[in-house]
Every structure is written in structure tokens, then in C-alpha cells.
N, C-alpha and C. Protein backbone atom coordinates (compact mmCIF):
# COMPACT_ATOMS: atom_id res chain seq x y z
N UNK A 1 29.39 54.57 14.36
CA UNK A 1 30.70 53.98 14.78
C UNK A 1 31.86 54.68 13.95
N UNK A 2 33.31 55.29 15.00
CA UNK A 2 34.30 54.98 14.58
C UNK A 2 34.89 53.88 13.61
N UNK A 3 35.06 54.17 12.95
CA UNK A 3 36.80 53.82 11.85
C UNK A 3 37.11 53.86 11.45
N UNK A 4 38.30 53.90 11.46
CA UNK A 4 39.73 54.22 10.72
C UNK A 4 39.61 53.96 9.12
N UNK A 5 40.05 54.39 8.12
CA UNK A 5 39.47 55.12 6.52
C UNK A 5 39.91 53.48 6.49
N UNK A 6 41.04 52.79 6.70
CA UNK A 6 41.08 51.24 5.52
C UNK A 6 40.47 50.62 6.14
N UNK A 7 39.67 50.70 7.11
CA UNK A 7 38.81 49.71 8.20
C UNK A 7 37.29 49.90 7.57
N UNK A 8 36.92 50.97 7.25
CA UNK A 8 35.41 51.35 6.83
C UNK A 8 35.29 50.96 4.97
N UNK A 9 36.46 51.03 4.46
CA UNK A 9 37.13 50.65 2.76
C UNK A 9 37.23 48.63 3.23
N UNK A 10 37.42 48.28 3.28
CA UNK A 10 37.80 46.90 4.32
C UNK A 10 35.99 46.02 4.43
N UNK A 11 35.23 47.34 5.34
CA UNK A 11 34.30 46.42 5.52
C UNK A 11 33.63 46.94 4.06
N UNK A 12 33.68 47.99 3.39
CA UNK A 12 32.63 48.14 2.63
C UNK A 12 33.31 47.26 1.61
N UNK A 13 34.12 46.59 1.14
CA UNK A 13 34.22 45.85 -0.40
C UNK A 13 34.09 44.49 0.25
N UNK A 14 33.99 44.23 1.41
CA UNK A 14 33.35 42.28 2.45
C UNK A 14 32.23 43.09 2.52
N UNK A 15 31.52 43.32 2.61
CA UNK A 15 30.29 43.61 2.94
C UNK A 15 29.62 43.57 0.77
N UNK A 16 30.17 44.23 -0.01
CA UNK A 16 30.19 43.57 -1.17
C UNK A 16 30.10 42.40 -1.33
N UNK A 17 31.00 41.86 -1.03
CA UNK A 17 31.11 40.56 -1.84
C UNK A 17 29.80 39.22 -1.21
N UNK A 18 30.11 39.33 0.46
CA UNK A 18 29.45 38.69 1.82
C UNK A 18 27.59 38.88 0.72
N UNK A 19 26.72 39.48 0.35
CA UNK A 19 26.20 40.71 -0.31
C UNK A 19 25.51 39.17 -1.24
N UNK A 20 27.10 39.85 -2.34
CA UNK A 20 26.75 38.77 -3.39
C UNK A 20 27.38 36.81 -3.28
N UNK A 21 26.93 36.98 -2.25
CA UNK A 21 27.45 35.29 -2.54
C UNK A 21 25.96 35.12 -2.23
N UNK A 22 25.18 35.29 -0.79
CA UNK A 22 24.22 35.41 -0.21
C UNK A 22 23.00 35.33 -1.44
N UNK A 23 23.05 36.85 -1.75
CA UNK A 23 22.26 36.85 -2.81
C UNK A 23 22.92 35.53 -3.95
N UNK A 24 23.39 35.20 -4.28
CA UNK A 24 23.56 33.61 -5.92
C UNK A 24 22.97 33.15 -4.36
N UNK A 25 23.73 32.74 -3.26
CA UNK A 25 23.61 31.62 -3.13
C UNK A 25 21.03 31.46 -3.22
N UNK A 26 20.55 32.41 -2.93
CA UNK A 26 19.41 32.52 -2.47
C UNK A 26 18.70 32.35 -3.97
N UNK A 27 19.66 32.20 -5.42
CA UNK A 27 19.21 32.41 -6.04
C UNK A 27 18.73 31.04 -7.24
N UNK A 28 19.80 30.30 -6.17
CA UNK A 28 20.50 28.67 -6.47
C UNK A 28 19.49 27.96 -6.12
N UNK A 29 18.85 28.56 -5.08
CA UNK A 29 18.01 27.45 -4.22
C UNK A 29 17.60 27.57 -4.83
N UNK A 30 16.31 25.90 -4.15
CA UNK A 30 15.28 25.92 -4.65
C UNK A 30 13.77 26.45 -5.24
N UNK A 31 14.54 28.02 -3.98
CA UNK A 31 13.03 28.73 -4.20
C UNK A 31 13.06 29.91 -5.39
N UNK A 32 13.52 29.45 -6.01
CA UNK A 32 13.91 29.68 -7.44
C UNK A 32 12.59 29.83 -7.90
N UNK A 33 12.20 28.05 -7.71
CA UNK A 33 11.36 27.41 -8.33
C UNK A 33 9.55 28.32 -8.01
N UNK A 34 9.98 29.73 -6.94
CA UNK A 34 9.15 30.81 -6.38
C UNK A 34 9.49 32.24 -7.07
N UNK A 35 9.06 32.56 -7.39
CA UNK A 35 9.79 34.09 -8.57
C UNK A 35 9.09 34.75 -7.03
N UNK A 36 8.45 34.39 -6.83
CA UNK A 36 6.85 35.50 -5.36
C UNK A 36 8.08 35.79 -4.91
N UNK A 37 8.17 34.93 -3.58
CA UNK A 37 9.30 34.62 -2.89
C UNK A 37 10.05 34.63 -2.81
N UNK A 38 11.12 34.26 -3.56
CA UNK A 38 12.46 35.57 -4.05
C UNK A 38 12.16 36.66 -3.57
N UNK A 39 11.23 37.28 -4.78
CA UNK A 39 11.51 38.67 -4.70
C UNK A 39 11.45 38.86 -3.49
N UNK A 40 10.17 38.20 -2.65
CA UNK A 40 10.33 39.23 -1.05
C UNK A 40 11.16 39.01 -0.35
N UNK A 41 12.03 37.46 -0.04
CA UNK A 41 12.51 37.59 0.64
C UNK A 41 14.72 37.98 0.14
N UNK A 42 15.05 38.55 -0.40
CA UNK A 42 16.00 39.74 -1.28
C UNK A 42 15.10 40.62 -1.00
N UNK A 43 13.80 41.52 -0.87
CA UNK A 43 13.26 43.00 -0.90
C UNK A 43 14.39 42.69 0.85
N UNK A 44 13.65 41.38 1.34
CA UNK A 44 13.62 41.88 3.11
C UNK A 44 14.82 41.85 3.56
N UNK A 45 16.10 41.35 2.51
CA UNK A 45 17.41 40.63 2.59
C UNK A 45 18.26 41.89 2.34
N UNK A 46 18.01 43.26 1.89
CA UNK A 46 18.53 45.16 1.15
C UNK A 46 18.55 45.86 1.75
N UNK A 47 16.75 44.80 2.63
CA UNK A 47 16.23 46.23 4.08
C UNK A 47 17.29 45.83 4.76
N UNK A 48 17.49 44.49 5.60
CA UNK A 48 18.25 44.64 6.43
C UNK A 48 19.32 44.90 6.10
N UNK A 49 20.66 44.13 5.04
CA UNK A 49 21.96 44.85 4.89
C UNK A 49 21.76 46.68 4.70
N UNK A 50 20.42 47.55 4.82
CA UNK A 50 20.85 49.13 5.03
C UNK A 50 20.29 49.55 5.79
N UNK A 51 19.53 48.33 7.09
CA UNK A 51 19.14 49.27 8.23
C UNK A 51 20.74 48.73 8.91
N UNK A 52 21.48 47.68 8.45
CA UNK A 52 22.63 47.19 8.81
C UNK A 52 24.16 48.04 8.75
N UNK A 53 24.24 48.96 7.49
CA UNK A 53 24.57 49.63 6.98
C UNK A 53 25.20 51.16 7.69
N UNK A 54 23.61 51.32 8.07
CA UNK A 54 23.37 52.51 8.83
C UNK A 54 23.66 52.84 9.94
N UNK A 55 24.06 51.50 10.72
CA UNK A 55 25.17 51.08 11.96
C UNK A 55 26.26 51.26 12.05
N UNK A 56 27.00 51.51 10.70
CA UNK A 56 28.48 51.55 10.52
C UNK A 56 28.71 52.58 10.04
N UNK A 57 27.70 52.96 9.21
CA UNK A 57 27.98 53.88 8.41
C UNK A 57 27.17 55.28 8.78
N UNK A 58 27.48 56.10 8.68
CA UNK A 58 26.56 58.12 8.81
C UNK A 58 26.22 57.82 7.91
N UNK A 59 24.05 58.38 7.92
CA UNK A 59 22.95 57.80 6.56
C UNK A 59 23.53 57.96 5.40
N UNK A 60 23.62 58.99 5.32
CA UNK A 60 24.69 59.18 3.19
C UNK A 60 25.36 58.00 3.18
N UNK A 61 26.25 57.59 4.43
CA UNK A 61 27.05 57.07 3.51
C UNK A 61 26.52 55.62 3.12
N UNK A 62 26.29 55.23 4.57
CA UNK A 62 25.08 53.71 4.89
C UNK A 62 24.57 53.51 2.83
N UNK A 63 23.34 54.73 3.11
CA UNK A 63 22.56 54.25 0.99
C UNK A 63 22.88 54.40 0.40
N UNK A 64 24.48 55.65 0.08
CA UNK A 64 25.58 55.26 -1.03
C UNK A 64 25.63 54.02 -1.43
N UNK A 65 26.69 53.68 -0.33
CA UNK A 65 27.29 51.93 -0.33
C UNK A 65 25.97 51.20 -0.76
N UNK A 66 24.53 51.00 0.41
CA UNK A 66 23.29 50.35 -0.23
C UNK A 66 23.15 50.12 -2.44
N UNK A 67 23.27 51.17 -2.97
CA UNK A 67 23.50 51.86 -3.29
C UNK A 67 24.46 51.12 -4.97
N UNK A 68 25.63 50.83 -3.87
CA UNK A 68 26.90 50.33 -4.50
C UNK A 68 26.66 48.66 -4.13
N UNK A 69 26.06 48.09 -3.06
CA UNK A 69 25.60 47.07 -4.00
C UNK A 69 24.38 46.13 -3.68
N UNK A 70 23.45 47.18 -4.50
CA UNK A 70 22.34 46.81 -5.27
C UNK A 70 23.32 46.43 -6.98
N UNK A 71 24.18 47.80 -7.31
CA UNK A 71 24.81 47.93 -8.79
C UNK A 71 25.46 46.63 -8.98
N UNK A 72 26.69 45.85 -7.85
CA UNK A 72 27.47 45.39 -7.45
C UNK A 72 27.06 43.60 -7.43
N UNK A 73 25.46 43.73 -7.12
CA UNK A 73 24.42 42.37 -7.21
C UNK A 73 24.00 42.76 -8.91
N UNK A 74 23.20 43.51 -9.73
CA UNK A 74 23.27 43.62 -10.76
C UNK A 74 24.68 43.27 -11.52
N UNK A 75 26.13 43.46 -11.61
CA UNK A 75 26.65 43.01 -12.96
C UNK A 75 26.89 42.09 -12.71
N UNK A 76 27.37 41.43 -10.80
CA UNK A 76 27.54 40.57 -10.85
C UNK A 76 26.39 38.96 -12.19
N UNK A 77 25.60 39.69 -11.68
CA UNK A 77 24.06 38.76 -12.00
C UNK A 77 24.57 38.87 -13.57
N UNK A 78 24.66 39.61 -13.83
CA UNK A 78 24.83 39.93 -15.86
C UNK A 78 26.52 38.74 -16.10
N UNK A 79 26.98 39.67 -15.58
CA UNK A 79 28.35 38.63 -15.74
C UNK A 79 28.54 36.77 -15.62
N UNK A 80 27.75 36.83 -14.49
CA UNK A 80 27.74 34.56 -13.94
C UNK A 80 26.79 34.20 -14.21
N UNK A 81 25.76 35.49 -15.00
CA UNK A 81 24.55 34.06 -15.44
C UNK A 81 23.74 34.44 -15.92
N UNK A 82 23.46 35.69 -16.66
CA UNK A 82 23.22 35.98 -17.68
C UNK A 82 24.20 35.83 -19.38
N UNK A 83 24.58 36.77 -19.19
CA UNK A 83 26.06 36.45 -20.03
C UNK A 83 26.10 35.08 -20.58
N UNK A 84 26.42 34.43 -19.40
CA UNK A 84 26.84 32.97 -19.62
C UNK A 84 26.31 32.04 -20.52
N UNK A 85 23.88 31.87 -20.06
CA UNK A 85 23.03 31.50 -20.79
C UNK A 85 22.92 32.10 -21.49
N UNK A 86 23.23 32.98 -22.15
CA UNK A 86 23.23 33.69 -24.28
C UNK A 86 23.70 33.05 -24.10
N UNK A 87 25.24 32.71 -24.07
CA UNK A 87 25.97 32.01 -24.68
C UNK A 87 25.32 30.61 -25.36
N UNK A 88 24.79 30.61 -23.94
CA UNK A 88 25.41 28.73 -24.21
C UNK A 88 23.53 28.34 -24.89
N UNK A 89 23.09 29.38 -25.22
CA UNK A 89 21.04 29.61 -26.07
C UNK A 89 22.50 29.85 -27.76
N UNK A 90 23.58 31.02 -27.32
CA UNK A 90 23.56 31.38 -28.84
C UNK A 90 23.90 29.90 -29.85
N UNK A 91 24.77 29.08 -29.20
CA UNK A 91 25.56 28.21 -29.29
C UNK A 91 24.81 26.57 -29.89
N UNK A 92 23.33 27.00 -29.21
CA UNK A 92 22.30 26.18 -29.38
C UNK A 92 21.67 25.96 -30.52
N UNK A 93 22.00 27.46 -30.76
CA UNK A 93 21.15 28.22 -32.12
C UNK A 93 22.43 28.23 -33.21
N UNK A 94 23.65 28.27 -33.23
CA UNK A 94 23.97 28.16 -34.10
C UNK A 94 24.60 26.10 -34.43
N UNK A 95 24.28 25.22 -33.87
CA UNK A 95 24.06 24.11 -33.92
C UNK A 95 23.14 23.79 -34.16
N UNK A 96 21.74 24.39 -34.41
CA UNK A 96 20.39 23.75 -34.62
C UNK A 96 19.56 23.53 -34.28
N UNK A 97 20.35 23.20 -32.89
CA UNK A 97 19.45 22.66 -31.40
C UNK A 97 18.20 24.21 -30.72
N UNK A 98 16.56 24.00 -30.23
CA UNK A 98 16.19 24.42 -29.51
C UNK A 98 16.62 24.95 -28.47
N UNK A 99 16.72 26.31 -27.38
CA UNK A 99 17.67 26.63 -26.47
C UNK A 99 16.16 26.19 -25.29
N UNK A 100 16.10 25.69 -24.47
CA UNK A 100 14.80 24.96 -22.95
C UNK A 100 14.37 26.47 -22.96
N UNK A 101 13.44 26.78 -22.65
CA UNK A 101 12.09 27.56 -22.53
C UNK A 101 11.62 27.90 -21.04
N UNK A 102 11.86 29.00 -21.08
CA UNK A 102 13.02 29.79 -19.38
C UNK A 102 10.80 29.94 -18.35
């Protein structure tokens, strides 16, 4: 697909945002109770994203972008889930409470 540079950049940034929103919605859904099913669905989702990116970018560009999408998911997961939950657990410990086991 022939894209102007600004279109390729806009598509890349937009796809990172959309993929994060879908991943976050999956993780907040009732699927979180069945981690194996969630794992399979996220794997299939990333495979479909990789395939879709090959329709827009060259092969090399698509898989570099898939790596960027995966890194965005991991970074946003740390920033929006892991760190806030860790802060809550530490605050509970400081108060002398026991944080819930996960």
C-alpha cells in the first residue's frame, strides 16, 4: 500500500493506541478469570494484528511495528496496572493491612 509518510506515521500511532485499548478491554473483561483462554485470545489477536500490518507496511516494517505494538502493550500495562496495584499494596502494608492475594 502506498502511503505518504504522514499517513504511515498516523496509522502507526493510531494502531498502537487501538491495540492497547483492545488489550486493556480484554484484560478488564470476565476473561481475566480464565488466564489460559485470555492468553490464547491475546496471542491470536497479536497474530491478526501482525497479519494486518503486513497489508499496510512492508514485511520488515510490519514486524518492526508489531514489536513496537507489543512494547507499547507491555509499557502501558506496567504504567496503568502493575505500578498502581503495587502502590495500593504498599499503602495497605504501611497501614498494617494485608493486601489481597492474587
